[in-house]
Amino acid sequence: MCDPLKKRILFYIDDPKTKARELNSLVKAAGERDCSDLLVITRDWEGEEEFKGCGIHFVPLWQWLQG
């Protein structure tokens, strides 16, 4: 079961050090539980990125709350 691990809240994504630290933690936890389809909840940024071989979706908080 990996649902709690595949989400990360990173409200401010502007700082590269913070972003790298949080994505490293997310990818490491996902790898330990064999998770995919990773999600990062942000303040206002939406997009997709490849990070260390994992596809990560970035979704603004307001959009995530709407479901």
C-alpha atoms as a PDB file:
ATOM      1  CA  MET A   1       0.000   0.000   0.000  1.00  0.00           C
ATOM      2  CA  CYS A   2       1.530   3.308  -1.042  1.00  0.00           C
ATOM      3  CA  ASP A   3      -1.242   5.926  -1.121  1.00  0.00           C
ATOM      4  CA  PRO A   4       0.015   8.039   1.826  1.00  0.00           C
ATOM      5  CA  LEU A   5       3.518   8.038   0.371  1.00  0.00           C
ATOM      6  CA  LYS A   6       2.751   9.096  -3.151  1.00  0.00           C
ATOM      7  CA  LYS A   7       1.737  12.643  -2.170  1.00  0.00           C
ATOM      8  CA  ARG A   8       3.967  15.424  -0.960  1.00  0.00           C
ATOM      9  CA  ILE A   9       2.917  18.963  -0.100  1.00  0.00           C
ATOM     10  CA  LEU A  10       5.452  21.510  -1.300  1.00  0.00           C
ATOM     11  CA  PHE A  11       3.649  24.814  -1.133  1.00  0.00           C
ATOM     12  CA  TYR A  12       6.554  26.985  -2.279  1.00  0.00           C
ATOM     13  CA  ILE A  13       8.439  25.323  -5.099  1.00  0.00           C
ATOM     14  CA  ASP A  14      10.668  28.309  -5.967  1.00  0.00           C
ATOM     15  CA  ASP A  15      13.709  27.313  -3.892  1.00  0.00           C
ATOM     16  CA  PRO A  16      15.736  24.688  -5.821  1.00  0.00           C
ATOM     17  CA  LYS A  17      17.281  23.252  -2.634  1.00  0.00           C
ATOM     18  CA  THR A  18      13.893  22.732  -0.990  1.00  0.00           C
ATOM     19  CA  LYS A  19      12.446  21.241  -4.149  1.00  0.00           C
ATOM     20  CA  ALA A  20      15.358  18.813  -4.554  1.00  0.00           C
ATOM     21  CA  ARG A  21      15.214  17.775  -0.887  1.00  0.00           C
ATOM     22  CA  GLU A  22      11.484  17.079  -0.997  1.00  0.00           C
ATOM     23  CA  LEU A  23      11.593  15.265  -4.338  1.00  0.00           C
ATOM     24  CA  ASN A  24      14.498  13.114  -3.155  1.00  0.00           C
ATOM     25  CA  SER A  25      12.450  12.090  -0.097  1.00  0.00           C
ATOM     26  CA  LEU A  26       9.373  11.377  -2.191  1.00  0.00           C
ATOM     27  CA  VAL A  27      11.263   9.262  -4.728  1.00  0.00           C
ATOM     28  CA  LYS A  28      13.099   7.357  -1.990  1.00  0.00           C
ATOM     29  CA  ALA A  29       9.870   6.545  -0.134  1.00  0.00           C
ATOM     30  CA  ALA A  30       8.141   5.582  -3.374  1.00  0.00           C
ATOM     31  CA  GLY A  31      10.996   3.249  -4.288  1.00  0.00           C
ATOM     32  CA  GLU A  32      10.834   1.505  -0.932  1.00  0.00           C
ATOM     33  CA  ARG A  33       7.120   0.820  -1.431  1.00  0.00           C
ATOM     34  CA  ASP A  34       7.161   0.261  -5.215  1.00  0.00           C
ATOM     35  CA  CYS A  35       4.921   3.275  -5.898  1.00  0.00           C
ATOM     36  CA  SER A  36       4.390   5.213  -9.075  1.00  0.00           C
ATOM     37  CA  ASP A  37       2.151   8.106 -10.127  1.00  0.00           C
ATOM     38  CA  LEU A  38       3.671  10.524  -7.626  1.00  0.00           C
ATOM     39  CA  LEU A  39       1.968  13.804  -6.754  1.00  0.00           C
ATOM     40  CA  VAL A  40       3.262  17.067  -5.303  1.00  0.00           C
ATOM     41  CA  ILE A  41       0.708  19.625  -4.105  1.00  0.00           C
ATOM     42  CA  THR A  42       1.936  23.182  -4.681  1.00  0.00           C
ATOM     43  CA  ARG A  43       0.738  26.700  -4.011  1.00  0.00           C
ATOM     44  CA  ASP A  44       0.012  27.603  -7.618  1.00  0.00           C
ATOM     45  CA  TRP A  45       2.250  25.618  -9.977  1.00  0.00           C
ATOM     46  CA  GLU A  46       0.998  22.868 -12.256  1.00  0.00           C
ATOM     47  CA  GLY A  47       3.086  20.586 -14.432  1.00  0.00           C
ATOM     48  CA  GLU A  48       4.910  17.312 -14.790  1.00  0.00           C
ATOM     49  CA  GLU A  49       8.563  16.472 -14.320  1.00  0.00           C
ATOM     50  CA  GLU A  50      10.864  13.506 -14.535  1.00  0.00           C
ATOM     51  CA  PHE A  51      13.036  13.207 -11.405  1.00  0.00           C
ATOM     52  CA  LYS A  52      15.485  10.349 -10.941  1.00  0.00           C
ATOM     53  CA  GLY A  53      13.485   8.173 -13.292  1.00  0.00           C
ATOM     54  CA  CYS A  54      10.107   8.882 -11.679  1.00  0.00           C
ATOM     55  CA  GLY A  55       7.259  10.823 -13.225  1.00  0.00           C
ATOM     56  CA  ILE A  56       5.969  13.442 -10.804  1.00  0.00           C
ATOM     57  CA  HIS A  57       2.766  15.464 -11.208  1.00  0.00           C
ATOM     58  CA  PHE A  58       2.583  18.946  -9.663  1.00  0.00           C
ATOM     59  CA  VAL A  59      -0.925  20.205  -8.853  1.00  0.00           C
ATOM     60  CA  PRO A  60      -2.003  23.496  -7.221  1.00  0.00           C
ATOM     61  CA  LEU A  61      -3.737  23.107  -3.855  1.00  0.00           C
ATOM     62  CA  TRP A  62      -7.001  24.671  -5.054  1.00  0.00           C
ATOM     63  CA  GLN A  63      -7.195  22.200  -7.951  1.00  0.00           C
ATOM     64  CA  TRP A  64      -6.410  19.213  -5.737  1.00  0.00           C
ATOM     65  CA  LEU A  65      -9.112  20.264  -3.256  1.00  0.00           C
ATOM     66  CA  GLN A  66     -11.684  20.355  -6.055  1.00  0.00           C
ATOM     67  CA  GLY A  67     -10.885  16.736  -6.792  1.00  0.00           C
END
